[in-house]
Amino acid sequence: MHTLTGACHCGNIHIAIALTQSPDRYAPRACDCDFCRKHGASYLSDPHGSMQLEVRDADFMVKYRHGSQLADFLLCSRCGVLIGVLYQDGNRRYGTVNCAALQQTAALGIPVSVSPRLLAGSEKTARWSALWFPDVRICASAA
């Protein structure tokens, strides 16, 4: 496994992802919707990896829904950084991380443009279930 780490600007939300391949084997997905473009977001995930968020103060981790209202965009309301996106399907939580929140972005491949906004809701959730981290944990930080 290859571990990449990162955090929001103020350090309230830390992230660690485990990838099954070398980081250069992944091409981040740059969503072309207005929200993601305004945040300069491109997303990374591995359907065989994992994602963990450590949150110091949960009051400053906000969820925002737009478009299809199917996924939660996670932001730090203290510093404004978009950390990633979560999708809940029953007891399983899927996630993807915004590459801009990672420290090791130079190791990643070149982002490719994607247009999930053009997909129907069922197509989006099927895509997320197939591509995103299927093992997402959110825990309170000891610090």
N, C-alpha and C. Protein backbone atom coordinates (compact mmCIF):
# COMPACT_ATOMS: atom_id res chain seq x y z
N MET A 1 0.84 -1.19 0.00
CA MET A 1 0.00 0.00 0.00
C MET A 1 0.89 1.25 0.00
N HIS A 2 0.38 2.27 -0.64
CA HIS A 2 1.06 3.57 -0.71
C HIS A 2 0.18 4.57 0.03
N THR A 3 0.75 5.24 1.02
CA THR A 3 -0.02 6.18 1.84
C THR A 3 0.30 7.61 1.43
N LEU A 4 -0.76 8.39 1.22
CA LEU A 4 -0.63 9.82 0.98
C LEU A 4 -1.39 10.53 2.09
N THR A 5 -0.87 11.68 2.51
CA THR A 5 -1.49 12.42 3.60
C THR A 5 -1.71 13.88 3.21
N GLY A 6 -2.52 14.53 4.00
CA GLY A 6 -2.79 15.94 3.75
C GLY A 6 -3.67 16.51 4.84
N ALA A 7 -4.08 17.75 4.64
CA ALA A 7 -4.92 18.43 5.63
C ALA A 7 -5.50 19.69 5.00
N CYS A 8 -6.48 20.23 5.70
CA CYS A 8 -6.96 21.55 5.30
C CYS A 8 -5.89 22.57 5.72
N HIS A 9 -6.05 23.82 5.34
CA HIS A 9 -5.05 24.85 5.60
C HIS A 9 -4.81 25.08 7.09
N CYS A 10 -5.88 25.09 7.89
CA CYS A 10 -5.73 25.38 9.33
C CYS A 10 -5.39 24.14 10.15
N GLY A 11 -5.42 22.96 9.54
CA GLY A 11 -5.07 21.73 10.25
C GLY A 11 -6.20 21.10 11.04
N ASN A 12 -7.40 21.59 10.89
CA ASN A 12 -8.53 21.01 11.62
C ASN A 12 -8.90 19.62 11.09
N ILE A 13 -8.76 19.40 9.79
CA ILE A 13 -9.09 18.12 9.19
C ILE A 13 -7.84 17.54 8.53
N HIS A 14 -7.44 16.37 8.98
CA HIS A 14 -6.30 15.66 8.39
C HIS A 14 -6.83 14.46 7.62
N ILE A 15 -6.13 14.12 6.56
CA ILE A 15 -6.56 12.99 5.74
C ILE A 15 -5.39 12.07 5.46
N ALA A 16 -5.67 10.78 5.42
CA ALA A 16 -4.69 9.77 5.02
C ALA A 16 -5.42 8.80 4.10
N ILE A 17 -4.81 8.55 2.94
CA ILE A 17 -5.40 7.58 2.02
C ILE A 17 -4.38 6.48 1.75
N ALA A 18 -4.87 5.28 1.55
CA ALA A 18 -4.02 4.14 1.20
C ALA A 18 -4.38 3.73 -0.21
N LEU A 19 -3.38 3.74 -1.09
CA LEU A 19 -3.55 3.38 -2.49
C LEU A 19 -2.90 2.02 -2.73
N THR A 20 -3.49 1.23 -3.61
CA THR A 20 -2.95 -0.10 -3.90
C THR A 20 -1.85 -0.07 -4.96
N GLN A 21 -1.72 1.05 -5.67
CA GLN A 21 -0.69 1.18 -6.69
C GLN A 21 0.16 2.42 -6.41
N SER A 22 1.24 2.54 -7.12
CA SER A 22 2.10 3.72 -7.01
C SER A 22 1.30 4.96 -7.41
N PRO A 23 1.47 6.09 -6.70
CA PRO A 23 0.69 7.30 -6.99
C PRO A 23 0.73 7.74 -8.45
N ASP A 24 1.85 7.52 -9.14
CA ASP A 24 1.94 7.96 -10.53
C ASP A 24 1.04 7.15 -11.47
N ARG A 25 0.44 6.08 -10.98
CA ARG A 25 -0.48 5.25 -11.78
C ARG A 25 -1.90 5.80 -11.76
N TYR A 26 -2.15 6.84 -10.97
CA TYR A 26 -3.49 7.41 -10.83
C TYR A 26 -3.59 8.74 -11.55
N ALA A 27 -4.66 8.89 -12.33
CA ALA A 27 -4.96 10.17 -12.99
C ALA A 27 -6.14 10.78 -12.24
N PRO A 28 -5.92 11.83 -11.48
CA PRO A 28 -7.03 12.48 -10.77
C PRO A 28 -8.13 12.90 -11.75
N ARG A 29 -9.36 12.90 -11.25
CA ARG A 29 -10.51 13.30 -12.05
C ARG A 29 -10.87 14.75 -11.72
N ALA A 30 -10.82 15.61 -12.72
CA ALA A 30 -11.16 17.03 -12.55
C ALA A 30 -12.60 17.22 -13.00
N CYS A 31 -13.50 17.31 -12.03
CA CYS A 31 -14.92 17.50 -12.33
C CYS A 31 -15.10 18.88 -12.96
N ASP A 32 -15.94 18.94 -14.00
CA ASP A 32 -16.11 20.21 -14.70
C ASP A 32 -17.33 21.01 -14.24
N CYS A 33 -17.95 20.64 -13.10
CA CYS A 33 -19.07 21.44 -12.61
C CYS A 33 -18.55 22.76 -12.03
N ASP A 34 -19.43 23.74 -11.92
CA ASP A 34 -19.03 25.06 -11.43
C ASP A 34 -18.41 25.00 -10.04
N PHE A 35 -19.01 24.23 -9.13
CA PHE A 35 -18.52 24.15 -7.76
C PHE A 35 -17.07 23.64 -7.72
N CYS A 36 -16.82 22.52 -8.38
CA CYS A 36 -15.47 21.94 -8.36
C CYS A 36 -14.46 22.82 -9.09
N ARG A 37 -14.87 23.41 -10.20
CA ARG A 37 -13.95 24.30 -10.92
C ARG A 37 -13.58 25.50 -10.06
N LYS A 38 -14.55 26.05 -9.32
CA LYS A 38 -14.26 27.21 -8.47
C LYS A 38 -13.34 26.87 -7.31
N HIS A 39 -13.31 25.60 -6.93
CA HIS A 39 -12.40 25.15 -5.87
C HIS A 39 -11.09 24.59 -6.43
N GLY A 40 -10.97 24.53 -7.75
CA GLY A 40 -9.77 23.97 -8.36
C GLY A 40 -9.58 22.51 -8.00
N ALA A 41 -10.69 21.80 -7.85
CA ALA A 41 -10.64 20.43 -7.35
C ALA A 41 -10.40 19.39 -8.44
N SER A 42 -9.60 18.41 -8.10
CA SER A 42 -9.50 17.16 -8.85
C SER A 42 -9.48 16.07 -7.80
N TYR A 43 -10.05 14.93 -8.13
CA TYR A 43 -10.30 13.91 -7.13
C TYR A 43 -9.53 12.63 -7.38
N LEU A 44 -9.15 12.00 -6.27
CA LEU A 44 -8.39 10.76 -6.31
C LEU A 44 -9.10 9.73 -5.44
N SER A 45 -9.17 8.51 -5.94
CA SER A 45 -9.74 7.42 -5.16
C SER A 45 -9.17 6.10 -5.66
N ASP A 46 -9.41 5.06 -4.89
CA ASP A 46 -8.98 3.71 -5.23
C ASP A 46 -10.03 2.75 -4.68
N PRO A 47 -10.72 2.00 -5.52
CA PRO A 47 -11.78 1.12 -5.05
C PRO A 47 -11.28 -0.04 -4.18
N HIS A 48 -9.96 -0.19 -4.09
CA HIS A 48 -9.38 -1.23 -3.24
C HIS A 48 -8.56 -0.63 -2.10
N GLY A 49 -8.60 0.69 -1.96
CA GLY A 49 -7.85 1.39 -0.93
C GLY A 49 -8.74 1.84 0.22
N SER A 50 -8.23 2.78 1.00
CA SER A 50 -9.00 3.29 2.13
C SER A 50 -8.71 4.78 2.33
N MET A 51 -9.62 5.41 3.06
CA MET A 51 -9.53 6.85 3.32
C MET A 51 -9.90 7.08 4.78
N GLN A 52 -9.07 7.85 5.47
CA GLN A 52 -9.36 8.17 6.87
C GLN A 52 -9.25 9.67 7.09
N LEU A 53 -10.27 10.22 7.76
CA LEU A 53 -10.27 11.63 8.13
C LEU A 53 -10.15 11.72 9.64
N GLU A 54 -9.27 12.57 10.11
CA GLU A 54 -9.17 12.89 11.54
C GLU A 54 -9.58 14.35 11.69
N VAL A 55 -10.56 14.56 12.56
CA VAL A 55 -11.13 15.90 12.73
C VAL A 55 -10.90 16.38 14.15
N ARG A 56 -10.27 17.53 14.29
CA ARG A 56 -10.03 18.10 15.63
C ARG A 56 -11.30 18.69 16.22
N ASP A 57 -11.98 19.52 15.44
CA ASP A 57 -13.21 20.16 15.91
C ASP A 57 -14.29 19.93 14.86
N ALA A 58 -15.19 18.99 15.15
CA ALA A 58 -16.24 18.61 14.20
C ALA A 58 -17.17 19.76 13.85
N ASP A 59 -17.25 20.77 14.71
CA ASP A 59 -18.11 21.92 14.42
C ASP A 59 -17.64 22.68 13.18
N PHE A 60 -16.36 22.53 12.82
CA PHE A 60 -15.81 23.24 11.67
C PHE A 60 -15.73 22.37 10.41
N MET A 61 -16.17 21.10 10.49
CA MET A 61 -16.26 20.28 9.29
C MET A 61 -17.70 20.34 8.80
N VAL A 62 -17.90 20.98 7.67
CA VAL A 62 -19.26 21.15 7.16
C VAL A 62 -19.46 20.29 5.92
N LYS A 63 -20.71 19.90 5.72
CA LYS A 63 -21.10 19.14 4.55
C LYS A 63 -21.97 20.04 3.68
N TYR A 64 -21.73 19.97 2.39
CA TYR A 64 -22.47 20.79 1.44
C TYR A 64 -22.97 19.89 0.31
N ARG A 65 -24.23 19.99 -0.01
CA ARG A 65 -24.81 19.22 -1.12
C ARG A 65 -25.27 20.19 -2.20
N HIS A 66 -25.04 19.81 -3.44
CA HIS A 66 -25.54 20.60 -4.56
C HIS A 66 -25.83 19.64 -5.70
N GLY A 67 -26.26 20.14 -6.80
CA GLY A 67 -26.54 19.29 -7.96
C GLY A 67 -27.59 18.23 -7.65
N SER A 68 -27.21 16.98 -7.72
CA SER A 68 -28.14 15.87 -7.53
C SER A 68 -28.50 15.62 -6.07
N GLN A 69 -27.84 16.29 -5.14
CA GLN A 69 -28.10 16.14 -3.69
C GLN A 69 -27.79 14.73 -3.18
N LEU A 70 -26.92 13.99 -3.85
CA LEU A 70 -26.63 12.60 -3.49
C LEU A 70 -25.35 12.43 -2.68
N ALA A 71 -24.46 13.41 -2.73
CA ALA A 71 -23.17 13.29 -2.07
C ALA A 71 -22.90 14.52 -1.21
N ASP A 72 -22.07 14.32 -0.18
CA ASP A 72 -21.69 15.40 0.73
C ASP A 72 -20.27 15.86 0.41
N PHE A 73 -20.14 17.12 0.06
CA PHE A 73 -18.83 17.72 -0.13
C PHE A 73 -18.37 18.18 1.24
N LEU A 74 -17.18 17.78 1.66
CA LEU A 74 -16.65 18.10 2.98
C LEU A 74 -15.71 19.28 2.90
N LEU A 75 -16.01 20.30 3.69
CA LEU A 75 -15.19 21.50 3.72
C LEU A 75 -14.87 21.86 5.16
N CYS A 76 -13.76 22.53 5.35
CA CYS A 76 -13.45 23.10 6.65
C CYS A 76 -14.00 24.52 6.64
N SER A 77 -14.93 24.80 7.54
CA SER A 77 -15.51 26.15 7.55
C SER A 77 -14.58 27.18 8.17
N ARG A 78 -13.55 26.72 8.84
CA ARG A 78 -12.58 27.66 9.43
C ARG A 78 -11.67 28.23 8.35
N CYS A 79 -11.16 27.39 7.45
CA CYS A 79 -10.21 27.88 6.44
C CYS A 79 -10.74 27.77 5.00
N GLY A 80 -11.86 27.08 4.80
CA GLY A 80 -12.49 27.02 3.49
C GLY A 80 -12.01 25.94 2.54
N VAL A 81 -11.12 25.06 2.95
CA VAL A 81 -10.58 24.04 2.05
C VAL A 81 -11.60 22.93 1.82
N LEU A 82 -11.76 22.56 0.55
CA LEU A 82 -12.57 21.42 0.16
C LEU A 82 -11.70 20.17 0.31
N ILE A 83 -12.08 19.30 1.23
CA ILE A 83 -11.29 18.09 1.52
C ILE A 83 -11.63 16.94 0.60
N GLY A 84 -12.91 16.71 0.36
CA GLY A 84 -13.31 15.58 -0.47
C GLY A 84 -14.81 15.45 -0.53
N VAL A 85 -15.26 14.28 -0.96
CA VAL A 85 -16.69 14.02 -1.14
C VAL A 85 -17.02 12.64 -0.58
N LEU A 86 -18.17 12.54 0.07
CA LEU A 86 -18.64 11.26 0.62
C LEU A 86 -20.01 10.93 0.05
N TYR A 87 -20.23 9.62 -0.11
CA TYR A 87 -21.51 9.10 -0.54
C TYR A 87 -21.85 7.92 0.36
N GLN A 88 -23.03 7.95 0.95
CA GLN A 88 -23.48 6.88 1.85
C GLN A 88 -24.45 5.97 1.11
N ASP A 89 -24.18 4.66 1.13
CA ASP A 89 -25.07 3.67 0.54
C ASP A 89 -25.34 2.61 1.60
N GLY A 90 -26.45 2.74 2.29
CA GLY A 90 -26.74 1.83 3.40
C GLY A 90 -25.72 2.03 4.50
N ASN A 91 -25.03 0.97 4.88
CA ASN A 91 -24.00 1.04 5.93
C ASN A 91 -22.62 1.34 5.37
N ARG A 92 -22.49 1.43 4.07
CA ARG A 92 -21.18 1.66 3.46
C ARG A 92 -21.02 3.12 3.08
N ARG A 93 -19.86 3.68 3.45
CA ARG A 93 -19.53 5.07 3.12
C ARG A 93 -18.40 5.06 2.10
N TYR A 94 -18.66 5.65 0.95
CA TYR A 94 -17.65 5.79 -0.11
C TYR A 94 -17.10 7.21 -0.08
N GLY A 95 -15.86 7.37 -0.52
CA GLY A 95 -15.28 8.70 -0.52
C GLY A 95 -14.21 8.89 -1.58
N THR A 96 -13.97 10.14 -1.87
CA THR A 96 -12.89 10.54 -2.77
C THR A 96 -12.26 11.80 -2.18
N VAL A 97 -10.98 11.99 -2.40
CA VAL A 97 -10.27 13.12 -1.81
C VAL A 97 -9.92 14.15 -2.88
N ASN A 98 -10.00 15.42 -2.50
CA ASN A 98 -9.57 16.50 -3.36
C ASN A 98 -8.04 16.53 -3.33
N CYS A 99 -7.42 16.33 -4.47
CA CYS A 99 -5.95 16.27 -4.53
C CYS A 99 -5.28 17.52 -3.99
N ALA A 100 -5.94 18.66 -4.06
CA ALA A 100 -5.37 19.91 -3.56
C ALA A 100 -5.14 19.86 -2.05
N ALA A 101 -5.81 18.95 -1.35
CA ALA A 101 -5.63 18.83 0.10
C ALA A 101 -4.49 17.88 0.46
N LEU A 102 -3.90 17.21 -0.54
CA LEU A 102 -2.81 16.27 -0.29
C LEU A 102 -1.46 16.95 -0.39
N GLN A 103 -0.49 16.41 0.33
CA GLN A 103 0.87 16.96 0.28
C GLN A 103 1.65 16.47 -0.93
N GLN A 104 1.39 15.25 -1.37
CA GLN A 104 2.22 14.60 -2.40
C GLN A 104 1.60 14.68 -3.80
N THR A 105 1.05 15.81 -4.19
CA THR A 105 0.36 15.91 -5.48
C THR A 105 1.30 15.77 -6.67
N ALA A 106 2.56 16.11 -6.52
CA ALA A 106 3.50 16.01 -7.64
C ALA A 106 3.69 14.57 -8.09
N ALA A 107 3.42 13.61 -7.20
CA ALA A 107 3.60 12.20 -7.53
C ALA A 107 2.45 11.64 -8.37
N LEU A 108 1.37 12.39 -8.50
CA LEU A 108 0.19 11.89 -9.21
C LEU A 108 0.27 12.15 -10.70
N GLY A 109 -0.53 11.42 -11.46
CA GLY A 109 -0.62 11.62 -12.89
C GLY A 109 -1.34 12.92 -13.22
N ILE A 110 -1.47 13.19 -14.49
CA ILE A 110 -2.13 14.41 -14.96
C ILE A 110 -3.64 14.25 -14.84
N PRO A 111 -4.34 15.25 -14.27
CA PRO A 111 -5.80 15.15 -14.14
C PRO A 111 -6.51 15.04 -15.49
N VAL A 112 -7.60 14.28 -15.49
CA VAL A 112 -8.45 14.17 -16.68
C VAL A 112 -9.80 14.79 -16.35
N SER A 113 -10.38 15.47 -17.31
CA SER A 113 -11.67 16.12 -17.11
C SER A 113 -12.79 15.09 -17.17
N VAL A 114 -13.73 15.20 -16.22
CA VAL A 114 -14.91 14.34 -16.19
C VAL A 114 -16.15 15.21 -16.02
N SER A 115 -17.31 14.67 -16.42
CA SER A 115 -18.57 15.42 -16.36
C SER A 115 -19.66 14.62 -15.66
N PRO A 116 -19.53 14.35 -14.36
CA PRO A 116 -20.58 13.58 -13.69
C PRO A 116 -21.93 14.29 -13.67
N ARG A 117 -21.95 15.58 -13.83
CA ARG A 117 -23.21 16.33 -13.82
C ARG A 117 -24.11 15.91 -14.98
N LEU A 118 -23.53 15.29 -16.00
CA LEU A 118 -24.31 14.83 -17.15
C LEU A 118 -24.96 13.47 -16.92
N LEU A 119 -24.60 12.80 -15.84
CA LEU A 119 -25.11 11.46 -15.54
C LEU A 119 -26.40 11.53 -14.73
N ALA A 120 -27.25 10.54 -14.90
CA ALA A 120 -28.43 10.40 -14.05
C ALA A 120 -27.97 9.99 -12.65
N GLY A 121 -28.82 10.21 -11.65
CA GLY A 121 -28.46 9.89 -10.27
C GLY A 121 -28.01 8.45 -10.10
N SER A 122 -28.70 7.50 -10.70
CA SER A 122 -28.32 6.09 -10.56
C SER A 122 -26.98 5.81 -11.23
N GLU A 123 -26.67 6.51 -12.31
CA GLU A 123 -25.38 6.35 -12.98
C GLU A 123 -24.26 6.91 -12.11
N LYS A 124 -24.53 8.03 -11.44
CA LYS A 124 -23.53 8.62 -10.54
C LYS A 124 -23.20 7.66 -9.41
N THR A 125 -24.23 7.17 -8.73
CA THR A 125 -23.99 6.31 -7.57
C THR A 125 -23.31 5.01 -7.98
N ALA A 126 -23.64 4.48 -9.14
CA ALA A 126 -22.96 3.27 -9.63
C ALA A 126 -21.49 3.57 -9.90
N ARG A 127 -21.23 4.73 -10.47
CA ARG A 127 -19.83 5.14 -10.76
C ARG A 127 -19.05 5.32 -9.47
N TRP A 128 -19.66 6.01 -8.49
CA TRP A 128 -18.98 6.23 -7.21
C TRP A 128 -18.69 4.92 -6.51
N SER A 129 -19.65 4.01 -6.52
CA SER A 129 -19.47 2.70 -5.87
C SER A 129 -18.34 1.91 -6.52
N ALA A 130 -18.14 2.12 -7.80
CA ALA A 130 -17.10 1.39 -8.53
C ALA A 130 -15.72 2.03 -8.41
N LEU A 131 -15.66 3.37 -8.25
CA LEU A 131 -14.38 4.08 -8.30
C LEU A 131 -13.85 4.61 -6.97
N TRP A 132 -14.73 4.94 -6.05
CA TRP A 132 -14.32 5.62 -4.83
C TRP A 132 -13.81 4.66 -3.77
N PHE A 133 -13.12 5.22 -2.77
CA PHE A 133 -12.68 4.42 -1.63
C PHE A 133 -13.92 3.81 -0.96
N PRO A 134 -13.94 2.49 -0.75
CA PRO A 134 -15.11 1.87 -0.12
C PRO A 134 -14.96 1.76 1.40
N ASP A 135 -13.82 2.15 1.90
CA ASP A 135 -13.51 2.01 3.32
C ASP A 135 -13.14 3.39 3.86
N VAL A 136 -14.14 4.16 4.27
CA VAL A 136 -13.90 5.53 4.73
C VAL A 136 -14.21 5.61 6.22
N ARG A 137 -13.24 6.10 6.99
CA ARG A 137 -13.42 6.26 8.43
C ARG A 137 -13.22 7.73 8.79
N ILE A 138 -14.08 8.20 9.68
CA ILE A 138 -13.95 9.56 10.21
C ILE A 138 -13.82 9.42 11.72
N CYS A 139 -12.77 9.99 12.27
CA CYS A 139 -12.57 9.87 13.72
C CYS A 139 -12.14 11.22 14.29
N ALA A 140 -12.37 11.35 15.60
CA ALA A 140 -11.96 12.56 16.32
C ALA A 140 -10.47 12.47 16.59
N SER A 141 -9.78 13.56 16.40
CA SER A 141 -8.35 13.62 16.66
C SER A 141 -8.08 13.76 18.14
N ALA A 142 -7.00 13.16 18.60
CA ALA A 142 -6.62 13.27 20.01
C ALA A 142 -6.07 14.64 20.35
N ALA A 143 -5.62 15.36 19.34
CA ALA A 143 -5.01 16.68 19.60
C ALA A 143 -6.04 17.77 19.63
